[in-house]
Amino acid sequence: MINQDFIQTLSRKAADLFPAAGKARSKVEAELQALLQQSLARLPVVSREELAAQQAVLERANQKIAQLEQQLAELEKRL
């Protein structure tokens, strides 16, 4: 779900913040990448497809609510 290139780029940039790491830079970068993957895996994220499907359901529900509100208003006028 999370783009691996994004994680690699982010961990590389984070490793750049530690220039004193020198030879250990690749190890620092690998550790940061593993930490990022673990942290991002725990986030409650959904795919774009799931989001689009839920948006469609919500839109239909909103339309139905508007329709029912209109019907209720018409019925209240009759009383």
PDB file of N, CA and C in Angstrom:
ATOM      1  N   MET A   1       0.825  -1.185   0.000  1.00  0.00           N
ATOM      2  CA  MET A   1       0.000   0.000   0.000  1.00  0.00           C
ATOM      3  C   MET A   1       0.877   1.261   0.000  1.00  0.00           C
ATOM      4  N   ILE A   2       1.946   1.241   0.795  1.00  0.00           N
ATOM      5  CA  ILE A   2       2.864   2.369   0.832  1.00  0.00           C
ATOM      6  C   ILE A   2       3.947   2.138  -0.215  1.00  0.00           C
ATOM      7  N   ASN A   3       4.241   3.142  -0.991  1.00  0.00           N
ATOM      8  CA  ASN A   3       5.224   3.053  -2.059  1.00  0.00           C
ATOM      9  C   ASN A   3       6.629   2.860  -1.486  1.00  0.00           C
ATOM     10  N   GLN A   4       7.309   1.790  -1.925  1.00  0.00           N
ATOM     11  CA  GLN A   4       8.655   1.487  -1.439  1.00  0.00           C
ATOM     12  C   GLN A   4       9.650   2.587  -1.806  1.00  0.00           C
ATOM     13  N   ASP A   5       9.502   3.171  -2.996  1.00  0.00           N
ATOM     14  CA  ASP A   5      10.403   4.256  -3.404  1.00  0.00           C
ATOM     15  C   ASP A   5      10.300   5.427  -2.439  1.00  0.00           C
ATOM     16  N   PHE A   6       9.086   5.708  -1.998  1.00  0.00           N
ATOM     17  CA  PHE A   6       8.876   6.794  -1.043  1.00  0.00           C
ATOM     18  C   PHE A   6       9.615   6.511   0.258  1.00  0.00           C
ATOM     19  N   ILE A   7       9.498   5.283   0.743  1.00  0.00           N
ATOM     20  CA  ILE A   7      10.159   4.910   1.999  1.00  0.00           C
ATOM     21  C   ILE A   7      11.673   4.989   1.848  1.00  0.00           C
ATOM     22  N   GLN A   8      12.196   4.503   0.718  1.00  0.00           N
ATOM     23  CA  GLN A   8      13.645   4.546   0.491  1.00  0.00           C
ATOM     24  C   GLN A   8      14.144   5.987   0.408  1.00  0.00           C
ATOM     25  N   THR A   9      13.425   6.817  -0.312  1.00  0.00           N
ATOM     26  CA  THR A   9      13.820   8.223  -0.441  1.00  0.00           C
ATOM     27  C   THR A   9      13.784   8.917   0.910  1.00  0.00           C
ATOM     28  N   LEU A  10      12.738   8.672   1.663  1.00  0.00           N
ATOM     29  CA  LEU A  10      12.607   9.294   2.979  1.00  0.00           C
ATOM     30  C   LEU A  10      13.717   8.840   3.921  1.00  0.00           C
ATOM     31  N   SER A  11      14.020   7.553   3.913  1.00  0.00           N
ATOM     32  CA  SER A  11      15.082   7.058   4.797  1.00  0.00           C
ATOM     33  C   SER A  11      16.448   7.576   4.355  1.00  0.00           C
ATOM     34  N   ARG A  12      16.653   7.724   3.043  1.00  0.00           N
ATOM     35  CA  ARG A  12      17.915   8.278   2.537  1.00  0.00           C
ATOM     36  C   ARG A  12      18.072   9.729   2.985  1.00  0.00           C
ATOM     37  N   LYS A  13      16.992  10.497   2.870  1.00  0.00           N
ATOM     38  CA  LYS A  13      17.054  11.901   3.282  1.00  0.00           C
ATOM     39  C   LYS A  13      17.263  12.024   4.789  1.00  0.00           C
ATOM     40  N   ALA A  14      16.634  11.139   5.545  1.00  0.00           N
ATOM     41  CA  ALA A  14      16.825  11.163   6.995  1.00  0.00           C
ATOM     42  C   ALA A  14      18.265  10.797   7.341  1.00  0.00           C
ATOM     43  N   ALA A  15      18.836   9.842   6.624  1.00  0.00           N
ATOM     44  CA  ALA A  15      20.230   9.449   6.867  1.00  0.00           C
ATOM     45  C   ALA A  15      21.177  10.590   6.523  1.00  0.00           C
ATOM     46  N   ASP A  16      20.800  11.419   5.556  1.00  0.00           N
ATOM     47  CA  ASP A  16      21.622  12.583   5.187  1.00  0.00           C
ATOM     48  C   ASP A  16      21.749  13.568   6.341  1.00  0.00           C
ATOM     49  N   LEU A  17      20.814  13.522   7.273  1.00  0.00           N
ATOM     50  CA  LEU A  17      20.858  14.425   8.420  1.00  0.00           C
ATOM     51  C   LEU A  17      21.951  14.041   9.412  1.00  0.00           C
ATOM     52  N   PHE A  18      22.530  12.859   9.238  1.00  0.00           N
ATOM     53  CA  PHE A  18      23.579  12.365  10.124  1.00  0.00           C
ATOM     54  C   PHE A  18      24.879  12.175   9.345  1.00  0.00           C
ATOM     55  N   PRO A  19      25.532  13.275   8.946  1.00  0.00           N
ATOM     56  CA  PRO A  19      26.749  13.149   8.142  1.00  0.00           C
ATOM     57  C   PRO A  19      27.895  12.480   8.906  1.00  0.00           C
ATOM     58  N   ALA A  20      27.852  12.521  10.204  1.00  0.00           N
ATOM     59  CA  ALA A  20      28.926  11.923  10.997  1.00  0.00           C
ATOM     60  C   ALA A  20      28.852  10.401  10.989  1.00  0.00           C
ATOM     61  N   ALA A  21      27.788   9.851  10.450  1.00  0.00           N
ATOM     62  CA  ALA A  21      27.639   8.399  10.434  1.00  0.00           C
ATOM     63  C   ALA A  21      28.715   7.727   9.586  1.00  0.00           C
ATOM     64  N   GLY A  22      29.208   8.432   8.576  1.00  0.00           N
ATOM     65  CA  GLY A  22      30.305   7.930   7.749  1.00  0.00           C
ATOM     66  C   GLY A  22      30.057   6.546   7.203  1.00  0.00           C
ATOM     67  N   LYS A  23      30.903   5.593   7.605  1.00  0.00           N
ATOM     68  CA  LYS A  23      30.813   4.227   7.088  1.00  0.00           C
ATOM     69  C   LYS A  23      29.531   3.528   7.542  1.00  0.00           C
ATOM     70  N   ALA A  24      29.007   3.955   8.639  1.00  0.00           N
ATOM     71  CA  ALA A  24      27.793   3.327   9.163  1.00  0.00           C
ATOM     72  C   ALA A  24      26.535   3.881   8.494  1.00  0.00           C
ATOM     73  N   ARG A  25      26.711   4.773   7.530  1.00  0.00           N
ATOM     74  CA  ARG A  25      25.585   5.431   6.867  1.00  0.00           C
ATOM     75  C   ARG A  25      24.606   4.422   6.273  1.00  0.00           C
ATOM     76  N   SER A  26      25.107   3.404   5.602  1.00  0.00           N
ATOM     77  CA  SER A  26      24.207   2.428   4.982  1.00  0.00           C
ATOM     78  C   SER A  26      23.416   1.668   6.047  1.00  0.00           C
ATOM     79  N   LYS A  27      24.059   1.403   7.181  1.00  0.00           N
ATOM     80  CA  LYS A  27      23.351   0.717   8.269  1.00  0.00           C
ATOM     81  C   LYS A  27      22.284   1.635   8.862  1.00  0.00           C
ATOM     82  N   VAL A  28      22.639   2.907   9.061  1.00  0.00           N
ATOM     83  CA  VAL A  28      21.675   3.885   9.584  1.00  0.00           C
ATOM     84  C   VAL A  28      20.493   3.994   8.624  1.00  0.00           C
ATOM     85  N   GLU A  29      20.793   4.062   7.329  1.00  0.00           N
ATOM     86  CA  GLU A  29      19.736   4.177   6.331  1.00  0.00           C
ATOM     87  C   GLU A  29      18.831   2.940   6.346  1.00  0.00           C
ATOM     88  N   ALA A  30      19.422   1.758   6.454  1.00  0.00           N
ATOM     89  CA  ALA A  30      18.641   0.519   6.497  1.00  0.00           C
ATOM     90  C   ALA A  30      17.768   0.465   7.750  1.00  0.00           C
ATOM     91  N   GLU A  31      18.332   0.884   8.875  1.00  0.00           N
ATOM     92  CA  GLU A  31      17.559   0.891  10.125  1.00  0.00           C
ATOM     93  C   GLU A  31      16.400   1.879  10.042  1.00  0.00           C
ATOM     94  N   LEU A  32      16.666   3.052   9.472  1.00  0.00           N
ATOM     95  CA  LEU A  32      15.597   4.044   9.315  1.00  0.00           C
ATOM     96  C   LEU A  32      14.504   3.521   8.387  1.00  0.00           C
ATOM     97  N   GLN A  33      14.915   2.849   7.315  1.00  0.00           N
ATOM     98  CA  GLN A  33      13.940   2.308   6.374  1.00  0.00           C
ATOM     99  C   GLN A  33      13.061   1.258   7.054  1.00  0.00           C
ATOM    100  N   ALA A  34      13.670   0.377   7.835  1.00  0.00           N
ATOM    101  CA  ALA A  34      12.902  -0.642   8.550  1.00  0.00           C
ATOM    102  C   ALA A  34      11.941   0.004   9.548  1.00  0.00           C
ATOM    103  N   LEU A  35      12.424   1.016  10.251  1.00  0.00           N
ATOM    104  CA  LEU A  35      11.583   1.718  11.218  1.00  0.00           C
ATOM    105  C   LEU A  35      10.404   2.400  10.528  1.00  0.00           C
ATOM    106  N   LEU A  36      10.671   3.040   9.387  1.00  0.00           N
ATOM    107  CA  LEU A  36       9.595   3.692   8.638  1.00  0.00           C
ATOM    108  C   LEU A  36       8.563   2.678   8.162  1.00  0.00           C
ATOM    109  N   GLN A  37       9.023   1.551   7.640  1.00  0.00           N
ATOM    110  CA  GLN A  37       8.095   0.529   7.158  1.00  0.00           C
ATOM    111  C   GLN A  37       7.212   0.013   8.289  1.00  0.00           C
ATOM    112  N   GLN A  38       7.809  -0.236   9.436  1.00  0.00           N
ATOM    113  CA  GLN A  38       7.036  -0.723  10.579  1.00  0.00           C
ATOM    114  C   GLN A  38       6.021   0.321  11.039  1.00  0.00           C
ATOM    115  N   SER A  39       6.463   1.562  11.113  1.00  0.00           N
ATOM    116  CA  SER A  39       5.578   2.631  11.582  1.00  0.00           C
ATOM    117  C   SER A  39       4.426   2.864  10.614  1.00  0.00           C
ATOM    118  N   LEU A  40       4.735   2.906   9.327  1.00  0.00           N
ATOM    119  CA  LEU A  40       3.694   3.146   8.336  1.00  0.00           C
ATOM    120  C   LEU A  40       2.742   1.961   8.216  1.00  0.00           C
ATOM    121  N   ALA A  41       3.230   0.760   8.463  1.00  0.00           N
ATOM    122  CA  ALA A  41       2.372  -0.429   8.385  1.00  0.00           C
ATOM    123  C   ALA A  41       1.301  -0.410   9.470  1.00  0.00           C
ATOM    124  N   ARG A  42       1.569   0.259  10.569  1.00  0.00           N
ATOM    125  CA  ARG A  42       0.603   0.322  11.675  1.00  0.00           C
ATOM    126  C   ARG A  42      -0.473   1.380  11.479  1.00  0.00           C
ATOM    127  N   LEU A  43      -0.288   2.261  10.502  1.00  0.00           N
ATOM    128  CA  LEU A  43      -1.271   3.319  10.278  1.00  0.00           C
ATOM    129  C   LEU A  43      -2.538   2.746   9.647  1.00  0.00           C
ATOM    130  N   PRO A  44      -3.687   3.240  10.069  1.00  0.00           N
ATOM    131  CA  PRO A  44      -4.944   2.758   9.490  1.00  0.00           C
ATOM    132  C   PRO A  44      -5.222   3.446   8.149  1.00  0.00           C
ATOM    133  N   VAL A  45      -4.594   2.968   7.090  1.00  0.00           N
ATOM    134  CA  VAL A  45      -4.754   3.584   5.772  1.00  0.00           C
ATOM    135  C   VAL A  45      -5.623   2.698   4.887  1.00  0.00           C
ATOM    136  N   VAL A  46      -6.261   3.318   3.914  1.00  0.00           N
ATOM    137  CA  VAL A  46      -7.073   2.591   2.938  1.00  0.00           C
ATOM    138  C   VAL A  46      -6.571   2.928   1.544  1.00  0.00           C
ATOM    139  N   SER A  47      -6.886   2.062   0.603  1.00  0.00           N
ATOM    140  CA  SER A  47      -6.463   2.297  -0.778  1.00  0.00           C
ATOM    141  C   SER A  47      -7.351   3.370  -1.406  1.00  0.00           C
ATOM    142  N   ARG A  48      -6.898   3.892  -2.517  1.00  0.00           N
ATOM    143  CA  ARG A  48      -7.691   4.896  -3.238  1.00  0.00           C
ATOM    144  C   ARG A  48      -9.027   4.300  -3.682  1.00  0.00           C
ATOM    145  N   GLU A  49      -8.986   3.015  -4.069  1.00  0.00           N
ATOM    146  CA  GLU A  49     -10.204   2.347  -4.515  1.00  0.00           C
ATOM    147  C   GLU A  49     -11.218   2.243  -3.372  1.00  0.00           C
ATOM    148  N   GLU A  50     -10.739   1.882  -2.189  1.00  0.00           N
ATOM    149  CA  GLU A  50     -11.628   1.792  -1.028  1.00  0.00           C
ATOM    150  C   GLU A  50     -12.199   3.163  -0.682  1.00  0.00           C
ATOM    151  N   LEU A  51     -11.363   4.188  -0.767  1.00  0.00           N
ATOM    152  CA  LEU A  51     -11.818   5.547  -0.479  1.00  0.00           C
ATOM    153  C   LEU A  51     -12.876   5.982  -1.487  1.00  0.00           C
ATOM    154  N   ALA A  52     -12.633   5.708  -2.767  1.00  0.00           N
ATOM    155  CA  ALA A  52     -13.598   6.078  -3.806  1.00  0.00           C
ATOM    156  C   ALA A  52     -14.924   5.354  -3.598  1.00  0.00           C
ATOM    157  N   ALA A  53     -14.855   4.085  -3.228  1.00  0.00           N
ATOM    158  CA  ALA A  53     -16.081   3.319  -2.987  1.00  0.00           C
ATOM    159  C   ALA A  53     -16.857   3.904  -1.812  1.00  0.00           C
ATOM    160  N   GLN A  54     -16.175   4.255  -0.741  1.00  0.00           N
ATOM    161  CA  GLN A  54     -16.842   4.835   0.427  1.00  0.00           C
ATOM    162  C   GLN A  54     -17.415   6.213   0.113  1.00  0.00           C
ATOM    163  N   GLN A  55     -16.713   6.980  -0.734  1.00  0.00           N
ATOM    164  CA  GLN A  55     -17.234   8.287  -1.129  1.00  0.00           C
ATOM    165  C   GLN A  55     -18.523   8.129  -1.933  1.00  0.00           C
ATOM    166  N   ALA A  56     -18.564   7.107  -2.801  1.00  0.00           N
ATOM    167  CA  ALA A  56     -19.770   6.855  -3.591  1.00  0.00           C
ATOM    168  C   ALA A  56     -20.933   6.460  -2.683  1.00  0.00           C
ATOM    169  N   VAL A  57     -20.666   5.611  -1.703  1.00  0.00           N
ATOM    170  CA  VAL A  57     -21.707   5.201  -0.749  1.00  0.00           C
ATOM    171  C   VAL A  57     -22.214   6.418   0.019  1.00  0.00           C
ATOM    172  N   LEU A  58     -21.303   7.262   0.461  1.00  0.00           N
ATOM    173  CA  LEU A  58     -21.681   8.462   1.206  1.00  0.00           C
ATOM    174  C   LEU A  58     -22.513   9.405   0.344  1.00  0.00           C
ATOM    175  N   GLU A  59     -22.133   9.566  -0.912  1.00  0.00           N
ATOM    176  CA  GLU A  59     -22.885  10.441  -1.811  1.00  0.00           C
ATOM    177  C   GLU A  59     -24.310   9.913  -2.006  1.00  0.00           C
ATOM    178  N   ARG A  60     -24.445   8.597  -2.204  1.00  0.00           N
ATOM    179  CA  ARG A  60     -25.788   8.013  -2.350  1.00  0.00           C
ATOM    180  C   ARG A  60     -26.600   8.199  -1.073  1.00  0.00           C
ATOM    181  N   ALA A  61     -25.969   8.035   0.071  1.00  0.00           N
ATOM    182  CA  ALA A  61     -26.668   8.222   1.347  1.00  0.00           C
ATOM    183  C   ALA A  61     -27.124   9.671   1.502  1.00  0.00           C
ATOM    184  N   ASN A  62     -26.269  10.615   1.134  1.00  0.00           N
ATOM    185  CA  ASN A  62     -26.639  12.033   1.224  1.00  0.00           C
ATOM    186  C   ASN A  62     -27.802  12.353   0.296  1.00  0.00           C
ATOM    187  N   GLN A  63     -27.798  11.768  -0.904  1.00  0.00           N
ATOM    188  CA  GLN A  63     -28.907  11.984  -1.834  1.00  0.00           C
ATOM    189  C   GLN A  63     -30.206  11.419  -1.267  1.00  0.00           C
ATOM    190  N   LYS A  64     -30.128  10.247  -0.675  1.00  0.00           N
ATOM    191  CA  LYS A  64     -31.315   9.621  -0.083  1.00  0.00           C
ATOM    192  C   LYS A  64     -31.831  10.456   1.087  1.00  0.00           C
ATOM    193  N   ILE A  65     -30.928  10.973   1.901  1.00  0.00           N
ATOM    194  CA  ILE A  65     -31.329  11.832   3.023  1.00  0.00           C
ATOM    195  C   ILE A  65     -32.043  13.074   2.511  1.00  0.00           C
ATOM    196  N   ALA A  66     -31.499  13.688   1.471  1.00  0.00           N
ATOM    197  CA  ALA A  66     -32.129  14.882   0.903  1.00  0.00           C
ATOM    198  C   ALA A  66     -33.520  14.551   0.372  1.00  0.00           C
ATOM    199  N   GLN A  67     -33.641  13.404  -0.281  1.00  0.00           N
ATOM    200  CA  GLN A  67     -34.938  12.976  -0.807  1.00  0.00           C
ATOM    201  C   GLN A  67     -35.936  12.750   0.326  1.00  0.00           C
ATOM    202  N   LEU A  68     -35.509  12.087   1.376  1.00  0.00           N
ATOM    203  CA  LEU A  68     -36.395  11.825   2.514  1.00  0.00           C
ATOM    204  C   LEU A  68     -36.778  13.113   3.241  1.00  0.00           C
ATOM    205  N   GLU A  69     -35.843  14.053   3.341  1.00  0.00           N
ATOM    206  CA  GLU A  69     -36.160  15.342   3.968  1.00  0.00           C
ATOM    207  C   GLU A  69     -37.221  16.076   3.165  1.00  0.00           C
ATOM    208  N   GLN A  70     -37.111  15.995   1.847  1.00  0.00           N
ATOM    209  CA  GLN A  70     -38.093  16.650   0.990  1.00  0.00           C
ATOM    210  C   GLN A  70     -39.465  15.988   1.149  1.00  0.00           C
ATOM    211  N   GLN A  71     -39.489  14.661   1.180  1.00  0.00           N
ATOM    212  CA  GLN A  71     -40.757  13.950   1.376  1.00  0.00           C
ATOM    213  C   GLN A  71     -41.372  14.292   2.730  1.00  0.00           C
ATOM    214  N   LEU A  72     -40.550  14.374   3.757  1.00  0.00           N
ATOM    215  CA  LEU A  72     -41.034  14.720   5.092  1.00  0.00           C
ATOM    216  C   LEU A  72     -41.625  16.126   5.101  1.00  0.00           C
ATOM    217  N   ALA A  73     -40.956  17.060   4.447  1.00  0.00           N
ATOM    218  CA  ALA A  73     -41.460  18.434   4.388  1.00  0.00           C
ATOM    219  C   ALA A  73     -42.811  18.476   3.682  1.00  0.00           C
ATOM    220  N   GLU A  74     -42.961  17.703   2.606  1.00  0.00           N
ATOM    221  CA  GLU A  74     -44.233  17.664   1.880  1.00  0.00           C
ATOM    222  C   GLU A  74     -45.336  17.059   2.746  1.00  0.00           C
ATOM    223  N   LEU A  75     -45.007  16.014   3.487  1.00  0.00           N
ATOM    224  CA  LEU A  75     -45.997  15.394   4.375  1.00  0.00           C
ATOM    225  C   LEU A  75     -46.394  16.334   5.510  1.00  0.00           C
ATOM    226  N   GLU A  76     -45.428  17.090   6.038  1.00  0.00           N
ATOM    227  CA  GLU A  76     -45.727  18.039   7.111  1.00  0.00           C
ATOM    228  C   GLU A  76     -46.640  19.152   6.615  1.00  0.00           C
ATOM    229  N   LYS A  77     -46.502  19.535   5.352  1.00  0.00           N
ATOM    230  CA  LYS A  77     -47.371  20.573   4.783  1.00  0.00           C
ATOM    231  C   LYS A  77     -48.817  20.095   4.704  1.00  0.00           C
ATOM    232  N   ARG A  78     -49.001  18.810   4.464  1.00  0.00           N
ATOM    233  CA  ARG A  78     -50.350  18.250   4.343  1.00  0.00           C
ATOM    234  C   ARG A  78     -51.082  18.210   5.679  1.00  0.00           C
ATOM    235  N   LEU A  79     -50.331  18.184   6.760  1.00  0.00           N
ATOM    236  CA  LEU A  79     -50.969  18.099   8.082  1.00  0.00           C
ATOM    237  C   LEU A  79     -51.513  19.396   8.536  1.00  0.00           C
TER     238      LEU A  79
END
